[in-house]
Amino acid sequence: MQERLNPARRRSGSASTPCLAPLPRPASVLLGVDPSLRGTGYGIIRLERPFPATLAQGTIRCPAAWARSRCLALIATTLRDVIRKHQPTTCVVEGLFHAQNLQTAILMGEARGAALVAAAEAGMEIYELAPRKVKQAIVGFGGAQKQAVARMVQRLLGLEQLPEPDAADALALALTHAQEQNRHALTAPKPI
């Protein structure tokens, strides 16, 4: 007991552990996915200081003449390739919205499912964000137009060219998730 209370009386032969600086954490790499049967947007960012870096972005386009099954296969295959190349650890997908057209909701759900399968196969953490929440975080207005989102994403990421609308939405998803992770939120985002 006396040894604990009086450090001078501790044994001099005890080995002391050197004080090591913590190892730097690897940069987080986020994949954002804006699912749609005919135009699924994706964007990958790496969180760096002072600004995130864009690793990849694009739109998976499927012609109207293609069968749905062919489109779903292309979405899953393309996302698997992008995931394999850039090794993201987290996927953020656009949440479901209330569509007035049931057929549109079904098609969106199918495209979303193909994207979720590709991310889940890679063992990624998967989160979803509501479209209005993303627009609010990026533009400051939940009802912002796609063009406004694209311009703000271009500015935030320092992109030379304006990203395509679907790719911009995907990048906005990743940026919004990164912002949410840096805040002290009362409720943490839940993986799906």
N, C-alpha and C. Protein backbone atom coordinates (compact mmCIF):
# COMPACT_ATOMS: atom_id res chain seq x y z
N MET A 1 0.82 -1.19 0.00
CA MET A 1 0.00 0.00 0.00
C MET A 1 0.86 1.25 0.00
N GLN A 2 1.93 1.23 0.83
CA GLN A 2 2.81 2.38 0.92
C GLN A 2 3.50 2.64 -0.42
N GLU A 3 3.82 1.56 -1.16
CA GLU A 3 4.46 1.74 -2.45
C GLU A 3 3.56 2.47 -3.44
N ARG A 4 2.27 2.18 -3.39
CA ARG A 4 1.32 2.84 -4.29
C ARG A 4 1.15 4.30 -3.95
N LEU A 5 1.16 4.62 -2.66
CA LEU A 5 0.94 5.99 -2.23
C LEU A 5 2.17 6.87 -2.40
N ASN A 6 3.35 6.30 -2.26
CA ASN A 6 4.58 7.07 -2.34
C ASN A 6 5.42 6.56 -3.51
N PRO A 7 5.39 7.27 -4.66
CA PRO A 7 6.11 6.80 -5.82
C PRO A 7 7.61 6.72 -5.61
N ALA A 8 8.17 7.52 -4.69
CA ALA A 8 9.61 7.50 -4.44
C ALA A 8 10.04 6.18 -3.82
N ARG A 9 9.14 5.50 -3.14
CA ARG A 9 9.48 4.27 -2.46
C ARG A 9 9.31 3.06 -3.37
N ARG A 10 8.84 3.27 -4.61
CA ARG A 10 8.67 2.15 -5.53
C ARG A 10 10.02 1.54 -5.84
N ARG A 11 9.99 0.28 -6.20
CA ARG A 11 11.23 -0.40 -6.54
C ARG A 11 11.83 0.21 -7.79
N SER A 12 13.11 0.44 -7.76
CA SER A 12 13.78 1.02 -8.91
C SER A 12 13.99 0.00 -10.02
N GLY A 13 13.86 -1.24 -9.75
CA GLY A 13 14.09 -2.28 -10.75
C GLY A 13 12.90 -2.54 -11.64
N SER A 14 11.78 -1.92 -11.40
CA SER A 14 10.61 -2.21 -12.21
C SER A 14 10.78 -1.59 -13.60
N ALA A 15 10.36 -2.34 -14.58
CA ALA A 15 10.48 -1.87 -15.96
C ALA A 15 9.40 -0.83 -16.24
N SER A 16 9.82 0.23 -16.87
CA SER A 16 8.84 1.25 -17.22
C SER A 16 8.51 1.11 -18.70
N THR A 17 7.27 1.36 -19.01
CA THR A 17 6.82 1.28 -20.39
C THR A 17 7.08 2.60 -21.07
N PRO A 18 7.78 2.58 -22.22
CA PRO A 18 8.02 3.85 -22.90
C PRO A 18 6.70 4.45 -23.39
N CYS A 19 6.64 5.75 -23.37
CA CYS A 19 5.44 6.44 -23.82
C CYS A 19 5.50 6.56 -25.34
N LEU A 20 4.67 5.81 -26.03
CA LEU A 20 4.65 5.81 -27.48
C LEU A 20 3.48 6.65 -27.98
N ALA A 21 3.73 7.35 -29.05
CA ALA A 21 2.64 8.10 -29.67
C ALA A 21 1.70 7.11 -30.33
N PRO A 22 0.41 7.38 -30.29
CA PRO A 22 -0.53 6.46 -30.92
C PRO A 22 -0.28 6.39 -32.43
N LEU A 23 -0.49 5.21 -32.97
CA LEU A 23 -0.33 5.04 -34.41
C LEU A 23 -1.42 5.82 -35.13
N PRO A 24 -1.08 6.42 -36.26
CA PRO A 24 -2.12 7.15 -37.00
C PRO A 24 -3.16 6.17 -37.54
N ARG A 25 -4.40 6.56 -37.43
CA ARG A 25 -5.48 5.72 -37.93
C ARG A 25 -5.53 5.84 -39.44
N PRO A 26 -5.80 4.73 -40.11
CA PRO A 26 -5.93 4.84 -41.57
C PRO A 26 -7.13 5.70 -41.93
N ALA A 27 -7.01 6.39 -43.05
CA ALA A 27 -8.10 7.26 -43.49
C ALA A 27 -9.34 6.45 -43.76
N SER A 28 -10.47 6.96 -43.35
CA SER A 28 -11.74 6.29 -43.61
C SER A 28 -12.12 6.52 -45.07
N VAL A 29 -12.58 5.47 -45.70
CA VAL A 29 -13.01 5.55 -47.09
C VAL A 29 -14.50 5.21 -47.11
N LEU A 30 -15.31 6.12 -47.65
CA LEU A 30 -16.76 5.99 -47.66
C LEU A 30 -17.28 5.85 -49.08
N LEU A 31 -18.24 4.95 -49.25
CA LEU A 31 -18.93 4.78 -50.53
C LEU A 31 -20.35 5.29 -50.37
N GLY A 32 -20.74 6.22 -51.22
CA GLY A 32 -22.12 6.69 -51.26
C GLY A 32 -22.79 6.10 -52.48
N VAL A 33 -24.05 5.66 -52.33
CA VAL A 33 -24.79 5.06 -53.44
C VAL A 33 -26.18 5.70 -53.53
N ASP A 34 -26.48 6.22 -54.73
CA ASP A 34 -27.80 6.77 -55.03
C ASP A 34 -28.46 5.79 -56.01
N PRO A 35 -29.27 4.84 -55.50
CA PRO A 35 -29.76 3.76 -56.36
C PRO A 35 -30.91 4.17 -57.28
N SER A 36 -30.84 3.66 -58.49
CA SER A 36 -31.90 3.81 -59.48
C SER A 36 -31.67 2.74 -60.53
N LEU A 37 -32.73 2.19 -61.07
CA LEU A 37 -32.58 1.10 -62.02
C LEU A 37 -31.83 1.54 -63.28
N ARG A 38 -32.10 2.72 -63.79
CA ARG A 38 -31.49 3.17 -65.05
C ARG A 38 -30.27 4.07 -64.85
N GLY A 39 -30.03 4.54 -63.63
CA GLY A 39 -28.88 5.42 -63.39
C GLY A 39 -28.48 5.44 -61.93
N THR A 40 -27.74 4.44 -61.48
CA THR A 40 -27.28 4.38 -60.09
C THR A 40 -25.99 5.17 -59.96
N GLY A 41 -26.01 6.17 -59.10
CA GLY A 41 -24.83 6.98 -58.86
C GLY A 41 -24.00 6.40 -57.73
N TYR A 42 -22.68 6.52 -57.85
CA TYR A 42 -21.80 6.11 -56.77
C TYR A 42 -20.69 7.15 -56.63
N GLY A 43 -20.18 7.26 -55.43
CA GLY A 43 -19.07 8.17 -55.15
C GLY A 43 -18.28 7.67 -53.97
N ILE A 44 -16.97 7.72 -54.09
CA ILE A 44 -16.10 7.26 -53.00
C ILE A 44 -15.21 8.42 -52.59
N ILE A 45 -15.21 8.69 -51.28
CA ILE A 45 -14.34 9.73 -50.73
C ILE A 45 -13.46 9.13 -49.63
N ARG A 46 -12.29 9.71 -49.48
CA ARG A 46 -11.41 9.36 -48.36
C ARG A 46 -11.35 10.58 -47.46
N LEU A 47 -11.59 10.36 -46.18
CA LEU A 47 -11.59 11.47 -45.22
C LEU A 47 -10.15 11.85 -44.90
N GLU A 48 -9.79 13.07 -45.27
CA GLU A 48 -8.46 13.60 -45.04
C GLU A 48 -8.60 15.00 -44.48
N ARG A 49 -7.51 15.51 -43.97
CA ARG A 49 -7.48 16.89 -43.50
C ARG A 49 -6.73 17.72 -44.52
N PRO A 50 -7.14 18.88 -44.88
CA PRO A 50 -8.28 19.60 -44.34
C PRO A 50 -9.59 19.27 -45.07
N PHE A 51 -9.52 18.62 -46.24
CA PHE A 51 -10.74 18.34 -47.00
C PHE A 51 -10.75 16.90 -47.46
N PRO A 52 -11.94 16.31 -47.62
CA PRO A 52 -12.02 14.95 -48.15
C PRO A 52 -11.52 14.89 -49.60
N ALA A 53 -10.99 13.74 -49.97
CA ALA A 53 -10.51 13.53 -51.34
C ALA A 53 -11.47 12.60 -52.07
N THR A 54 -11.76 12.93 -53.32
CA THR A 54 -12.63 12.09 -54.14
C THR A 54 -11.77 11.02 -54.81
N LEU A 55 -12.10 9.75 -54.57
CA LEU A 55 -11.36 8.65 -55.17
C LEU A 55 -12.01 8.17 -56.46
N ALA A 56 -13.34 8.16 -56.49
CA ALA A 56 -14.06 7.69 -57.67
C ALA A 56 -15.48 8.24 -57.63
N GLN A 57 -16.04 8.37 -58.81
CA GLN A 57 -17.44 8.78 -58.92
C GLN A 57 -17.94 8.36 -60.29
N GLY A 58 -19.23 8.16 -60.38
CA GLY A 58 -19.78 7.80 -61.68
C GLY A 58 -21.24 7.41 -61.58
N THR A 59 -21.78 7.08 -62.73
CA THR A 59 -23.16 6.66 -62.83
C THR A 59 -23.21 5.36 -63.61
N ILE A 60 -23.87 4.37 -63.06
CA ILE A 60 -24.05 3.08 -63.72
C ILE A 60 -25.32 3.21 -64.56
N ARG A 61 -25.15 3.34 -65.87
CA ARG A 61 -26.28 3.57 -66.77
C ARG A 61 -26.74 2.26 -67.41
N CYS A 62 -28.05 2.10 -67.45
CA CYS A 62 -28.67 0.95 -68.10
C CYS A 62 -29.69 1.45 -69.12
N PRO A 63 -29.54 1.05 -70.38
CA PRO A 63 -30.51 1.49 -71.40
C PRO A 63 -31.92 1.02 -71.08
N ALA A 64 -32.88 1.79 -71.54
CA ALA A 64 -34.30 1.47 -71.29
C ALA A 64 -34.69 0.13 -71.90
N ALA A 65 -33.99 -0.31 -72.94
CA ALA A 65 -34.32 -1.57 -73.60
C ALA A 65 -33.87 -2.79 -72.81
N TRP A 66 -32.99 -2.60 -71.83
CA TRP A 66 -32.49 -3.74 -71.05
C TRP A 66 -33.55 -4.26 -70.10
N ALA A 67 -33.53 -5.55 -69.88
CA ALA A 67 -34.40 -6.18 -68.87
C ALA A 67 -33.93 -5.75 -67.48
N ARG A 68 -34.85 -5.72 -66.54
CA ARG A 68 -34.51 -5.32 -65.17
C ARG A 68 -33.41 -6.19 -64.60
N SER A 69 -33.48 -7.49 -64.84
CA SER A 69 -32.49 -8.40 -64.27
C SER A 69 -31.08 -8.07 -64.77
N ARG A 70 -30.97 -7.67 -66.03
CA ARG A 70 -29.66 -7.29 -66.58
C ARG A 70 -29.14 -6.02 -65.91
N CYS A 71 -30.02 -5.07 -65.67
CA CYS A 71 -29.64 -3.83 -64.98
C CYS A 71 -29.17 -4.12 -63.55
N LEU A 72 -29.89 -4.96 -62.85
CA LEU A 72 -29.53 -5.29 -61.47
C LEU A 72 -28.17 -5.98 -61.41
N ALA A 73 -27.92 -6.88 -62.38
CA ALA A 73 -26.63 -7.56 -62.44
C ALA A 73 -25.50 -6.56 -62.69
N LEU A 74 -25.73 -5.59 -63.59
CA LEU A 74 -24.71 -4.58 -63.88
C LEU A 74 -24.43 -3.71 -62.66
N ILE A 75 -25.48 -3.32 -61.94
CA ILE A 75 -25.30 -2.50 -60.73
C ILE A 75 -24.44 -3.24 -59.72
N ALA A 76 -24.78 -4.49 -59.45
CA ALA A 76 -24.03 -5.27 -58.45
C ALA A 76 -22.59 -5.51 -58.91
N THR A 77 -22.40 -5.87 -60.17
CA THR A 77 -21.06 -6.15 -60.68
C THR A 77 -20.17 -4.91 -60.66
N THR A 78 -20.71 -3.79 -61.11
CA THR A 78 -19.93 -2.55 -61.15
C THR A 78 -19.55 -2.12 -59.74
N LEU A 79 -20.50 -2.18 -58.81
CA LEU A 79 -20.19 -1.78 -57.43
C LEU A 79 -19.18 -2.74 -56.80
N ARG A 80 -19.25 -4.02 -57.10
CA ARG A 80 -18.25 -4.97 -56.59
C ARG A 80 -16.85 -4.57 -57.08
N ASP A 81 -16.75 -4.21 -58.36
CA ASP A 81 -15.45 -3.81 -58.92
C ASP A 81 -14.93 -2.54 -58.26
N VAL A 82 -15.80 -1.56 -58.06
CA VAL A 82 -15.41 -0.30 -57.42
C VAL A 82 -14.99 -0.54 -55.98
N ILE A 83 -15.72 -1.38 -55.28
CA ILE A 83 -15.39 -1.71 -53.88
C ILE A 83 -14.05 -2.43 -53.82
N ARG A 84 -13.82 -3.37 -54.71
CA ARG A 84 -12.56 -4.12 -54.73
C ARG A 84 -11.38 -3.18 -54.98
N LYS A 85 -11.57 -2.22 -55.87
CA LYS A 85 -10.48 -1.31 -56.24
C LYS A 85 -10.14 -0.32 -55.13
N HIS A 86 -11.15 0.25 -54.47
CA HIS A 86 -10.93 1.35 -53.52
C HIS A 86 -11.04 0.94 -52.05
N GLN A 87 -11.54 -0.24 -51.76
CA GLN A 87 -11.61 -0.78 -50.40
C GLN A 87 -12.30 0.15 -49.39
N PRO A 88 -13.51 0.64 -49.69
CA PRO A 88 -14.21 1.45 -48.69
C PRO A 88 -14.60 0.59 -47.49
N THR A 89 -14.73 1.22 -46.34
CA THR A 89 -15.11 0.50 -45.13
C THR A 89 -16.58 0.72 -44.77
N THR A 90 -17.15 1.77 -45.31
CA THR A 90 -18.53 2.14 -44.97
C THR A 90 -19.29 2.48 -46.25
N CYS A 91 -20.54 2.05 -46.30
CA CYS A 91 -21.42 2.37 -47.42
C CYS A 91 -22.61 3.16 -46.89
N VAL A 92 -22.94 4.24 -47.59
CA VAL A 92 -24.10 5.05 -47.23
C VAL A 92 -25.02 5.07 -48.44
N VAL A 93 -26.22 4.57 -48.24
CA VAL A 93 -27.18 4.47 -49.35
C VAL A 93 -28.36 5.39 -49.07
N GLU A 94 -28.93 5.91 -50.15
CA GLU A 94 -30.09 6.78 -49.98
C GLU A 94 -31.25 5.97 -49.42
N GLY A 95 -31.89 6.51 -48.40
CA GLY A 95 -33.02 5.84 -47.78
C GLY A 95 -34.25 5.85 -48.67
N LEU A 96 -35.18 4.99 -48.36
CA LEU A 96 -36.41 4.92 -49.13
C LEU A 96 -37.23 6.17 -48.91
N PHE A 97 -37.91 6.58 -49.94
CA PHE A 97 -38.80 7.73 -49.84
C PHE A 97 -40.20 7.27 -50.22
N HIS A 98 -41.17 8.08 -49.92
CA HIS A 98 -42.55 7.73 -50.21
C HIS A 98 -42.87 8.09 -51.66
N ALA A 99 -42.88 7.07 -52.50
CA ALA A 99 -43.20 7.29 -53.92
C ALA A 99 -44.69 7.17 -54.12
N GLN A 100 -45.22 8.06 -54.93
CA GLN A 100 -46.65 7.99 -55.22
C GLN A 100 -46.95 6.86 -56.20
N ASN A 101 -45.96 6.48 -56.98
CA ASN A 101 -46.12 5.43 -57.96
C ASN A 101 -45.53 4.13 -57.40
N LEU A 102 -46.33 3.12 -57.23
CA LEU A 102 -45.88 1.86 -56.66
C LEU A 102 -44.81 1.21 -57.53
N GLN A 103 -44.97 1.28 -58.85
CA GLN A 103 -43.99 0.68 -59.75
C GLN A 103 -42.61 1.33 -59.58
N THR A 104 -42.58 2.64 -59.42
CA THR A 104 -41.31 3.34 -59.20
C THR A 104 -40.67 2.90 -57.89
N ALA A 105 -41.46 2.75 -56.85
CA ALA A 105 -40.94 2.31 -55.56
C ALA A 105 -40.35 0.90 -55.66
N ILE A 106 -40.99 0.03 -56.41
CA ILE A 106 -40.49 -1.34 -56.56
C ILE A 106 -39.15 -1.33 -57.31
N LEU A 107 -39.08 -0.56 -58.40
CA LEU A 107 -37.84 -0.50 -59.17
C LEU A 107 -36.69 0.08 -58.34
N MET A 108 -36.98 1.11 -57.57
CA MET A 108 -35.96 1.70 -56.69
C MET A 108 -35.51 0.70 -55.64
N GLY A 109 -36.45 -0.04 -55.09
CA GLY A 109 -36.12 -1.05 -54.09
C GLY A 109 -35.24 -2.15 -54.66
N GLU A 110 -35.50 -2.54 -55.90
CA GLU A 110 -34.68 -3.58 -56.53
C GLU A 110 -33.25 -3.08 -56.75
N ALA A 111 -33.10 -1.87 -57.26
CA ALA A 111 -31.77 -1.30 -57.48
C ALA A 111 -31.03 -1.13 -56.15
N ARG A 112 -31.76 -0.71 -55.15
CA ARG A 112 -31.18 -0.55 -53.82
C ARG A 112 -30.71 -1.89 -53.27
N GLY A 113 -31.50 -2.92 -53.50
CA GLY A 113 -31.13 -4.26 -53.06
C GLY A 113 -29.86 -4.75 -53.72
N ALA A 114 -29.71 -4.51 -55.03
CA ALA A 114 -28.49 -4.92 -55.73
C ALA A 114 -27.26 -4.22 -55.15
N ALA A 115 -27.41 -2.93 -54.83
CA ALA A 115 -26.30 -2.18 -54.24
C ALA A 115 -25.98 -2.68 -52.84
N LEU A 116 -27.02 -2.96 -52.05
CA LEU A 116 -26.81 -3.44 -50.68
C LEU A 116 -26.12 -4.79 -50.66
N VAL A 117 -26.46 -5.66 -51.61
CA VAL A 117 -25.82 -6.98 -51.68
C VAL A 117 -24.32 -6.82 -51.94
N ALA A 118 -23.96 -5.96 -52.89
CA ALA A 118 -22.54 -5.75 -53.20
C ALA A 118 -21.78 -5.24 -51.98
N ALA A 119 -22.37 -4.31 -51.26
CA ALA A 119 -21.71 -3.76 -50.06
C ALA A 119 -21.65 -4.78 -48.94
N ALA A 120 -22.73 -5.53 -48.75
CA ALA A 120 -22.77 -6.53 -47.68
C ALA A 120 -21.79 -7.66 -47.94
N GLU A 121 -21.64 -8.07 -49.20
CA GLU A 121 -20.68 -9.12 -49.53
C GLU A 121 -19.25 -8.71 -49.17
N ALA A 122 -18.96 -7.42 -49.27
CA ALA A 122 -17.63 -6.91 -48.95
C ALA A 122 -17.43 -6.71 -47.45
N GLY A 123 -18.47 -6.96 -46.66
CA GLY A 123 -18.36 -6.83 -45.21
C GLY A 123 -18.38 -5.40 -44.71
N MET A 124 -18.91 -4.51 -45.51
CA MET A 124 -18.94 -3.09 -45.14
C MET A 124 -20.05 -2.80 -44.14
N GLU A 125 -19.83 -1.76 -43.33
CA GLU A 125 -20.93 -1.22 -42.52
C GLU A 125 -21.81 -0.45 -43.48
N ILE A 126 -23.12 -0.60 -43.36
CA ILE A 126 -24.05 0.05 -44.29
C ILE A 126 -25.01 0.92 -43.50
N TYR A 127 -25.14 2.17 -43.95
CA TYR A 127 -26.05 3.12 -43.33
C TYR A 127 -26.96 3.69 -44.40
N GLU A 128 -28.09 4.24 -43.98
CA GLU A 128 -28.96 4.92 -44.93
C GLU A 128 -29.28 6.32 -44.41
N LEU A 129 -29.46 7.22 -45.34
CA LEU A 129 -29.81 8.60 -45.02
C LEU A 129 -30.98 9.02 -45.89
N ALA A 130 -31.88 9.76 -45.31
CA ALA A 130 -33.03 10.28 -46.05
C ALA A 130 -32.56 11.36 -47.02
N PRO A 131 -33.14 11.40 -48.23
CA PRO A 131 -32.75 12.41 -49.22
C PRO A 131 -32.86 13.85 -48.70
N ARG A 132 -33.91 14.16 -47.97
CA ARG A 132 -34.09 15.53 -47.46
C ARG A 132 -33.00 15.89 -46.44
N LYS A 133 -32.58 14.91 -45.65
CA LYS A 133 -31.54 15.16 -44.66
C LYS A 133 -30.21 15.46 -45.35
N VAL A 134 -29.93 14.77 -46.44
CA VAL A 134 -28.70 14.99 -47.20
C VAL A 134 -28.72 16.39 -47.81
N LYS A 135 -29.83 16.75 -48.44
CA LYS A 135 -29.94 18.08 -49.06
C LYS A 135 -29.81 19.18 -48.01
N GLN A 136 -30.40 18.97 -46.85
CA GLN A 136 -30.31 19.93 -45.76
C GLN A 136 -28.86 20.10 -45.31
N ALA A 137 -28.14 18.98 -45.19
CA ALA A 137 -26.75 19.03 -44.72
C ALA A 137 -25.82 19.67 -45.75
N ILE A 138 -26.05 19.40 -47.02
CA ILE A 138 -25.13 19.86 -48.06
C ILE A 138 -25.46 21.27 -48.54
N VAL A 139 -26.75 21.54 -48.79
CA VAL A 139 -27.16 22.82 -49.37
C VAL A 139 -27.75 23.76 -48.32
N GLY A 140 -28.32 23.20 -47.26
CA GLY A 140 -28.98 24.03 -46.25
C GLY A 140 -30.47 24.12 -46.44
N PHE A 141 -31.00 23.35 -47.42
CA PHE A 141 -32.43 23.36 -47.71
C PHE A 141 -32.83 21.96 -48.13
N GLY A 142 -33.77 21.35 -47.40
CA GLY A 142 -34.18 19.97 -47.65
C GLY A 142 -34.89 19.73 -48.96
N GLY A 143 -35.34 20.80 -49.61
CA GLY A 143 -36.02 20.64 -50.89
C GLY A 143 -35.17 21.12 -52.06
N ALA A 144 -33.85 21.13 -51.88
CA ALA A 144 -32.95 21.64 -52.92
C ALA A 144 -33.01 20.79 -54.18
N GLN A 145 -32.77 21.43 -55.30
CA GLN A 145 -32.73 20.76 -56.60
C GLN A 145 -31.40 20.03 -56.78
N LYS A 146 -31.39 19.04 -57.69
CA LYS A 146 -30.19 18.26 -57.95
C LYS A 146 -29.01 19.14 -58.37
N GLN A 147 -29.28 20.17 -59.16
CA GLN A 147 -28.22 21.06 -59.64
C GLN A 147 -27.53 21.77 -58.48
N ALA A 148 -28.31 22.20 -57.48
CA ALA A 148 -27.75 22.88 -56.32
C ALA A 148 -26.87 21.93 -55.51
N VAL A 149 -27.31 20.68 -55.38
CA VAL A 149 -26.53 19.67 -54.66
C VAL A 149 -25.22 19.43 -55.41
N ALA A 150 -25.28 19.29 -56.72
CA ALA A 150 -24.08 19.03 -57.52
C ALA A 150 -23.08 20.18 -57.40
N ARG A 151 -23.56 21.41 -57.43
CA ARG A 151 -22.64 22.56 -57.32
C ARG A 151 -21.98 22.62 -55.94
N MET A 152 -22.74 22.32 -54.91
CA MET A 152 -22.16 22.36 -53.56
C MET A 152 -21.17 21.22 -53.36
N VAL A 153 -21.47 20.04 -53.89
CA VAL A 153 -20.54 18.91 -53.81
C VAL A 153 -19.25 19.25 -54.55
N GLN A 154 -19.38 19.87 -55.72
CA GLN A 154 -18.20 20.29 -56.48
C GLN A 154 -17.33 21.22 -55.64
N ARG A 155 -17.98 22.14 -54.97
CA ARG A 155 -17.25 23.11 -54.14
C ARG A 155 -16.61 22.45 -52.93
N LEU A 156 -17.37 21.61 -52.22
CA LEU A 156 -16.86 20.97 -51.00
C LEU A 156 -15.69 20.03 -51.27
N LEU A 157 -15.71 19.37 -52.44
CA LEU A 157 -14.67 18.40 -52.76
C LEU A 157 -13.58 18.98 -53.67
N GLY A 158 -13.75 20.23 -54.09
CA GLY A 158 -12.76 20.85 -54.95
C GLY A 158 -12.64 20.18 -56.32
N LEU A 159 -13.77 19.74 -56.86
CA LEU A 159 -13.76 19.07 -58.16
C LEU A 159 -13.66 20.09 -59.28
N GLU A 160 -12.91 19.75 -60.31
CA GLU A 160 -12.75 20.66 -61.45
C GLU A 160 -14.04 20.77 -62.25
N GLN A 161 -14.73 19.65 -62.43
CA GLN A 161 -15.96 19.65 -63.21
C GLN A 161 -17.15 19.33 -62.31
N LEU A 162 -18.30 19.81 -62.72
CA LEU A 162 -19.54 19.52 -62.02
C LEU A 162 -19.85 18.03 -62.17
N PRO A 163 -20.05 17.30 -61.07
CA PRO A 163 -20.36 15.88 -61.20
C PRO A 163 -21.76 15.68 -61.77
N GLU A 164 -21.95 14.52 -62.41
CA GLU A 164 -23.28 14.17 -62.91
C GLU A 164 -24.24 14.14 -61.72
N PRO A 165 -25.53 14.42 -61.96
CA PRO A 165 -26.48 14.51 -60.84
C PRO A 165 -26.52 13.28 -59.93
N ASP A 166 -26.54 12.07 -60.50
CA ASP A 166 -26.61 10.88 -59.65
C ASP A 166 -25.32 10.65 -58.88
N ALA A 167 -24.18 10.91 -59.52
CA ALA A 167 -22.89 10.79 -58.83
C ALA A 167 -22.78 11.86 -57.74
N ALA A 168 -23.27 13.07 -58.02
CA ALA A 168 -23.25 14.14 -57.02
C ALA A 168 -24.08 13.76 -55.80
N ASP A 169 -25.24 13.16 -56.03
CA ASP A 169 -26.07 12.71 -54.90
C ASP A 169 -25.35 11.65 -54.07
N ALA A 170 -24.64 10.75 -54.74
CA ALA A 170 -23.90 9.71 -54.03
C ALA A 170 -22.76 10.32 -53.21
N LEU A 171 -22.03 11.26 -53.80
CA LEU A 171 -20.97 11.95 -53.05
C LEU A 171 -21.55 12.73 -51.88
N ALA A 172 -22.72 13.33 -52.08
CA ALA A 172 -23.38 14.07 -51.00
C ALA A 172 -23.75 13.13 -49.84
N LEU A 173 -24.17 11.92 -50.16
CA LEU A 173 -24.46 10.94 -49.11
C LEU A 173 -23.23 10.65 -48.27
N ALA A 174 -22.09 10.42 -48.93
CA ALA A 174 -20.85 10.14 -48.21
C ALA A 174 -20.42 11.34 -47.37
N LEU A 175 -20.51 12.55 -47.93
CA LEU A 175 -20.14 13.75 -47.19
C LEU A 175 -21.02 13.96 -45.97
N THR A 176 -22.32 13.75 -46.14
CA THR A 176 -23.25 13.93 -45.03
C THR A 176 -22.96 12.93 -43.91
N HIS A 177 -22.68 11.69 -44.28
CA HIS A 177 -22.36 10.68 -43.26
C HIS A 177 -21.08 11.08 -42.51
N ALA A 178 -20.10 11.59 -43.24
CA ALA A 178 -18.86 12.03 -42.60
C ALA A 178 -19.14 13.17 -41.61
N GLN A 179 -20.01 14.10 -42.00
CA GLN A 179 -20.38 15.19 -41.10
C GLN A 179 -21.08 14.66 -39.85
N GLU A 180 -21.97 13.69 -40.05
CA GLU A 180 -22.72 13.12 -38.92
C GLU A 180 -21.77 12.42 -37.94
N GLN A 181 -20.74 11.78 -38.46
CA GLN A 181 -19.80 11.06 -37.60
C GLN A 181 -18.94 12.01 -36.78
N ASN A 182 -18.74 13.23 -37.27
CA ASN A 182 -17.91 14.21 -36.57
C ASN A 182 -18.68 15.03 -35.55
N ARG A 183 -19.98 14.86 -35.52
CA ARG A 183 -20.81 15.60 -34.57
C ARG A 183 -21.12 14.73 -33.36
N HIS A 184 -21.46 15.40 -32.30
CA HIS A 184 -21.90 14.69 -31.10
C HIS A 184 -23.42 14.60 -31.14
N ALA A 185 -23.89 13.61 -31.86
CA ALA A 185 -25.33 13.46 -32.04
C ALA A 185 -25.94 12.77 -30.83
N LEU A 186 -27.19 13.08 -30.56
CA LEU A 186 -27.88 12.41 -29.46
C LEU A 186 -28.16 10.95 -29.81
N THR A 187 -28.46 10.70 -31.08
CA THR A 187 -28.67 9.34 -31.51
C THR A 187 -27.70 9.04 -32.65
N ALA A 188 -26.89 8.01 -32.46
CA ALA A 188 -25.90 7.64 -33.48
C ALA A 188 -26.62 6.96 -34.65
N PRO A 189 -26.07 7.12 -35.86
CA PRO A 189 -26.68 6.43 -36.99
C PRO A 189 -26.61 4.93 -36.79
N LYS A 190 -27.65 4.25 -37.20
CA LYS A 190 -27.71 2.80 -37.03
C LYS A 190 -27.42 2.10 -38.34
N PRO A 191 -26.53 1.11 -38.29
CA PRO A 191 -26.28 0.37 -39.52
C PRO A 191 -27.51 -0.43 -39.92
N ILE A 192 -27.64 -0.69 -41.23
CA ILE A 192 -28.74 -1.53 -41.69
C ILE A 192 -28.21 -2.85 -42.16
